[in-house]
Amino acid sequence: FINLQFKTNENPKESFIASPFSVLIPLAELALYTIGKSFAQITNVLNVTNKDEIRQGMRRLLDNFKLPKNVTLNLAQKIYANKQFELSDAFKRDTEVYFDAKAENLDFSQRAAAAKAINDWVSAQTNGLIPNLVDESLLSELTRLVLVNAIYFKGNWLRPFDPKITQKKDFYIAKDKNVTVDMMYQKGYFRYMENQALQIKALELLYKDRNYSLLCV
């Protein structure tokens, strides 16, 4: 994620949105069934040394998100494999036990139908907020795996914003480009930090369930 931040800083006229969690889970899933150089590269990124670390680490991580208070949280993972490759029982078991995920075969040569199947599933998991995750142009009979991670989150602020003082303001998507948006306003004390190495400023907004917060960078 830090490497991604540095990469985007090379072009300051562009913004990006990334979910480290949504990068972590698919990489961990891949690592369980890779060997050799591929396994070494993935585990280096994940900062782990063996597959048991991945299994136990993912299980502990996902358990931390169970039974949240004052928020709605749905973490959904699924693996779609080319129908030409039969998924082993061990693969299906590990996928479900350690990632709370399902794995199934799909005919990627039928690009439109395959994309619709994936998008319908993602839409259902995110209350319709992400209806088109995969474009059919990304799929072909050569596609081997599609690893999907979808996160739906809805929470109440610890300190709610007053809608009466929301105003139209300029939001800068680049130094020389802006759009007009509804800008919320609130005055108070918040956790804030600056990091020169990463070239960032960050502000944390808490939800009622203090285990969750929005980090604006």
Protein backbone atom coordinates (compact mmCIF):
# COMPACT_ATOMS: atom_id res chain seq x y z
CA PHE A 1 0.00 0.00 0.00
CA ILE A 2 2.87 2.36 0.82
CA ASN A 3 4.51 1.50 -2.50
CA LEU A 4 1.23 2.31 -4.22
CA GLN A 5 1.12 5.65 -2.41
CA PHE A 6 4.61 6.51 -3.58
CA LYS A 7 3.76 5.48 -7.14
CA THR A 8 0.73 7.75 -7.29
CA ASN A 9 2.75 10.62 -5.89
CA GLU A 10 4.79 10.49 -9.10
CA ASN A 11 1.73 11.94 -10.84
CA PRO A 12 0.25 14.55 -8.47
CA LYS A 13 -2.54 15.34 -10.93
CA GLU A 14 -4.21 12.00 -10.23
CA SER A 15 -6.01 10.70 -7.14
CA PHE A 16 -6.57 7.11 -6.15
CA ILE A 17 -8.73 5.01 -3.88
CA ALA A 18 -7.35 1.75 -2.52
CA SER A 19 -8.37 -0.78 0.10
CA PRO A 20 -5.34 -2.50 1.63
CA PHE A 21 -7.70 -5.14 3.02
CA SER A 22 -8.99 -5.92 -0.47
CA VAL A 23 -5.41 -6.36 -1.66
CA LEU A 24 -4.36 -8.48 1.31
CA ILE A 25 -7.11 -11.11 1.13
CA PRO A 26 -6.71 -12.15 -2.54
CA LEU A 27 -2.92 -12.26 -2.19
CA ALA A 28 -3.21 -14.48 0.88
CA GLU A 29 -5.64 -16.76 -0.95
CA LEU A 30 -3.22 -17.06 -3.86
CA ALA A 31 -0.27 -17.76 -1.60
CA LEU A 32 -1.83 -20.91 -0.15
CA TYR A 33 -1.67 -22.65 -3.52
CA THR A 34 1.45 -21.23 -5.11
CA ILE A 35 4.99 -22.57 -4.93
CA GLY A 36 8.51 -21.53 -5.82
CA LYS A 37 9.24 -18.00 -7.00
CA SER A 38 5.57 -16.95 -7.02
CA PHE A 39 5.15 -18.04 -3.40
CA ALA A 40 8.33 -16.20 -2.39
CA GLN A 41 7.19 -12.99 -4.07
CA ILE A 42 3.73 -13.04 -2.48
CA THR A 43 4.95 -13.94 1.02
CA ASN A 44 7.53 -11.18 0.80
CA VAL A 45 4.72 -8.68 0.18
CA LEU A 46 2.61 -10.20 2.98
CA ASN A 47 5.62 -10.31 5.34
CA VAL A 48 5.06 -13.97 6.25
CA THR A 49 7.29 -17.02 5.86
CA ASN A 50 4.99 -20.02 5.56
CA LYS A 51 1.44 -21.11 4.78
CA ASP A 52 0.50 -21.83 8.39
CA GLU A 53 1.15 -18.17 9.19
CA ILE A 54 -1.22 -17.21 6.41
CA ARG A 55 -3.96 -19.60 7.52
CA GLN A 56 -3.88 -18.61 11.17
CA GLY A 57 -3.30 -14.92 10.48
CA MET A 58 -6.25 -14.63 8.11
CA ARG A 59 -8.52 -16.50 10.48
CA ARG A 60 -7.64 -14.18 13.38
CA LEU A 61 -8.03 -11.11 11.18
CA LEU A 62 -11.48 -12.07 9.93
CA ASP A 63 -12.64 -13.08 13.42
CA ASN A 64 -11.91 -9.52 14.57
CA PHE A 65 -14.63 -8.24 12.24
CA LYS A 66 -17.39 -10.48 13.54
CA LEU A 67 -20.34 -9.08 15.51
CA PRO A 68 -19.59 -5.36 15.07
CA LYS A 69 -21.57 -2.88 17.17
CA ASN A 70 -23.39 0.16 15.73
CA VAL A 71 -22.14 -0.57 12.22
CA THR A 72 -23.20 -2.77 9.31
CA LEU A 73 -20.24 -4.67 7.93
CA ASN A 74 -20.24 -7.34 5.25
CA LEU A 75 -16.93 -8.85 4.12
CA ALA A 76 -17.39 -11.06 1.10
CA GLN A 77 -14.76 -13.11 -0.69
CA LYS A 78 -15.20 -15.46 -3.62
CA ILE A 79 -12.94 -17.28 -6.05
CA TYR A 80 -14.04 -18.02 -9.61
CA ALA A 81 -11.93 -20.58 -11.49
CA ASN A 82 -11.97 -21.48 -15.17
CA LYS A 83 -14.29 -24.45 -15.67
CA GLN A 84 -11.44 -26.34 -17.34
CA PHE A 85 -9.68 -26.65 -13.98
CA GLU A 86 -11.31 -28.77 -11.29
CA LEU A 87 -11.00 -27.31 -7.80
CA SER A 88 -9.71 -29.74 -5.19
CA ASP A 89 -11.63 -30.44 -2.01
CA ALA A 90 -8.64 -29.17 -0.01
CA PHE A 91 -8.71 -25.86 -1.89
CA LYS A 92 -12.43 -25.42 -1.30
CA ARG A 93 -12.04 -26.33 2.37
CA ASP A 94 -9.17 -23.91 3.02
CA THR A 95 -11.01 -21.16 1.16
CA GLU A 96 -14.05 -21.56 3.38
CA VAL A 97 -12.34 -22.27 6.71
CA TYR A 98 -9.66 -19.57 6.60
CA PHE A 99 -11.22 -16.91 4.38
CA ASP A 100 -14.99 -17.32 4.87
CA ALA A 101 -15.08 -17.59 1.08
CA LYS A 102 -16.58 -19.82 -1.57
CA ALA A 103 -14.92 -21.17 -4.70
CA GLU A 104 -16.69 -22.24 -7.86
CA ASN A 105 -16.04 -22.87 -11.53
CA LEU A 106 -17.17 -20.47 -14.26
CA ASP A 107 -17.08 -20.54 -18.05
CA PHE A 108 -14.96 -17.49 -18.86
CA SER A 109 -15.30 -18.09 -22.61
CA GLN A 110 -18.88 -16.82 -22.16
CA ARG A 111 -17.61 -13.41 -21.18
CA ALA A 112 -20.90 -11.55 -20.81
CA ALA A 113 -22.52 -14.32 -18.77
CA ALA A 114 -19.44 -14.74 -16.57
CA ALA A 115 -19.16 -10.99 -15.89
CA LYS A 116 -22.87 -10.84 -15.07
CA ALA A 117 -22.57 -13.74 -12.63
CA ILE A 118 -19.68 -12.06 -10.81
CA ASN A 119 -21.28 -8.61 -10.81
CA ASP A 120 -24.64 -9.92 -9.61
CA TRP A 121 -22.93 -11.60 -6.67
CA VAL A 122 -20.90 -8.49 -5.77
CA SER A 123 -23.99 -6.28 -6.07
CA ALA A 124 -25.91 -8.54 -3.70
CA GLN A 125 -23.08 -8.42 -1.15
CA THR A 126 -22.83 -4.61 -1.25
CA ASN A 127 -26.53 -3.70 -1.21
CA GLY A 128 -26.34 -2.69 -4.86
CA LEU A 129 -23.60 -0.10 -4.33
CA ILE A 130 -21.06 -1.93 -6.52
CA PRO A 131 -23.05 -3.21 -9.51
CA ASN A 132 -20.27 -3.40 -12.12
CA LEU A 133 -17.01 -4.58 -10.61
CA VAL A 134 -15.87 -6.65 -13.59
CA ASP A 135 -16.09 -5.65 -17.25
CA GLU A 136 -16.56 -8.52 -19.67
CA SER A 137 -13.63 -7.23 -21.74
CA LEU A 138 -11.32 -8.34 -18.91
CA LEU A 139 -12.39 -11.98 -19.29
CA SER A 140 -11.54 -14.60 -21.91
CA GLU A 141 -11.10 -18.35 -22.28
CA LEU A 142 -7.50 -17.77 -21.13
CA THR A 143 -8.63 -16.39 -17.76
CA ARG A 144 -7.66 -18.84 -15.03
CA LEU A 145 -8.83 -17.23 -11.81
CA VAL A 146 -10.84 -14.23 -10.68
CA LEU A 147 -10.45 -13.44 -7.00
CA VAL A 148 -13.17 -11.14 -5.74
CA ASN A 149 -13.26 -9.17 -2.51
CA ALA A 150 -16.20 -6.91 -1.68
CA ILE A 151 -16.66 -4.80 1.44
CA TYR A 152 -19.92 -3.16 2.49
CA PHE A 153 -19.72 -0.81 5.45
CA LYS A 154 -22.25 1.55 6.97
CA GLY A 155 -21.77 3.22 10.32
CA ASN A 156 -22.92 6.14 12.43
CA TRP A 157 -20.45 8.87 13.31
CA LEU A 158 -19.41 9.26 16.92
CA ARG A 159 -19.89 12.99 16.32
CA PRO A 160 -22.59 13.38 13.63
CA PHE A 161 -22.42 16.20 11.11
CA ASP A 162 -25.21 18.76 11.12
CA PRO A 163 -26.84 18.67 7.65
CA LYS A 164 -28.12 22.22 8.14
CA ILE A 165 -24.63 23.63 7.73
CA THR A 166 -23.64 21.57 4.69
CA GLN A 167 -22.56 23.96 1.91
CA LYS A 168 -21.53 23.85 -1.72
CA LYS A 169 -17.75 24.10 -1.87
CA ASP A 170 -14.93 23.51 -4.32
CA PHE A 171 -13.20 20.14 -3.99
CA TYR A 172 -9.80 19.91 -5.64
CA ILE A 173 -9.17 16.62 -7.41
CA ALA A 174 -5.84 18.06 -8.60
CA LYS A 175 -3.93 21.28 -8.00
CA ASP A 176 -5.43 22.83 -11.11
CA LYS A 177 -8.80 21.07 -11.26
CA ASN A 178 -11.81 21.23 -8.97
CA VAL A 179 -15.47 20.24 -8.81
CA THR A 180 -18.34 21.63 -6.72
CA VAL A 181 -19.62 19.25 -4.05
CA ASP A 182 -21.71 19.25 -0.88
CA MET A 183 -19.17 19.89 1.87
CA MET A 184 -19.96 18.86 5.45
CA TYR A 185 -18.61 20.96 8.30
CA GLN A 186 -17.72 20.26 11.89
CA LYS A 187 -15.50 21.94 14.46
CA GLY A 188 -13.78 19.89 17.14
CA TYR A 189 -10.69 18.01 18.23
CA PHE A 190 -9.57 15.11 16.07
CA ARG A 191 -6.53 12.90 15.68
CA TYR A 192 -4.30 14.34 12.95
CA MET A 193 -0.84 13.56 11.66
CA GLU A 194 1.67 14.53 8.99
CA ASN A 195 4.32 12.24 7.54
CA GLN A 196 7.02 13.80 5.40
CA ALA A 197 8.42 10.44 4.25
CA LEU A 198 5.06 9.46 2.76
CA GLN A 199 4.22 13.07 1.84
CA ILE A 200 0.78 12.79 3.46
CA LYS A 201 -1.51 14.46 5.96
CA ALA A 202 -4.15 12.33 7.69
CA LEU A 203 -7.28 13.00 9.75
CA GLU A 204 -9.21 10.33 11.68
CA LEU A 205 -13.01 10.44 12.14
CA LEU A 206 -14.44 7.96 14.64
CA TYR A 207 -17.62 5.93 14.35
CA LYS A 208 -19.85 5.05 17.32
CA ASP A 209 -18.15 1.68 17.37
CA ARG A 210 -14.67 2.97 18.16
CA ASN A 211 -13.11 -0.10 16.61
CA TYR A 212 -13.81 1.60 13.28
CA SER A 213 -12.77 4.97 11.93
CA LEU A 214 -12.48 6.82 8.64
CA LEU A 215 -8.92 7.84 7.83
CA CYS A 216 -8.82 10.74 5.39
CA VAL A 217 -5.41 11.01 3.74
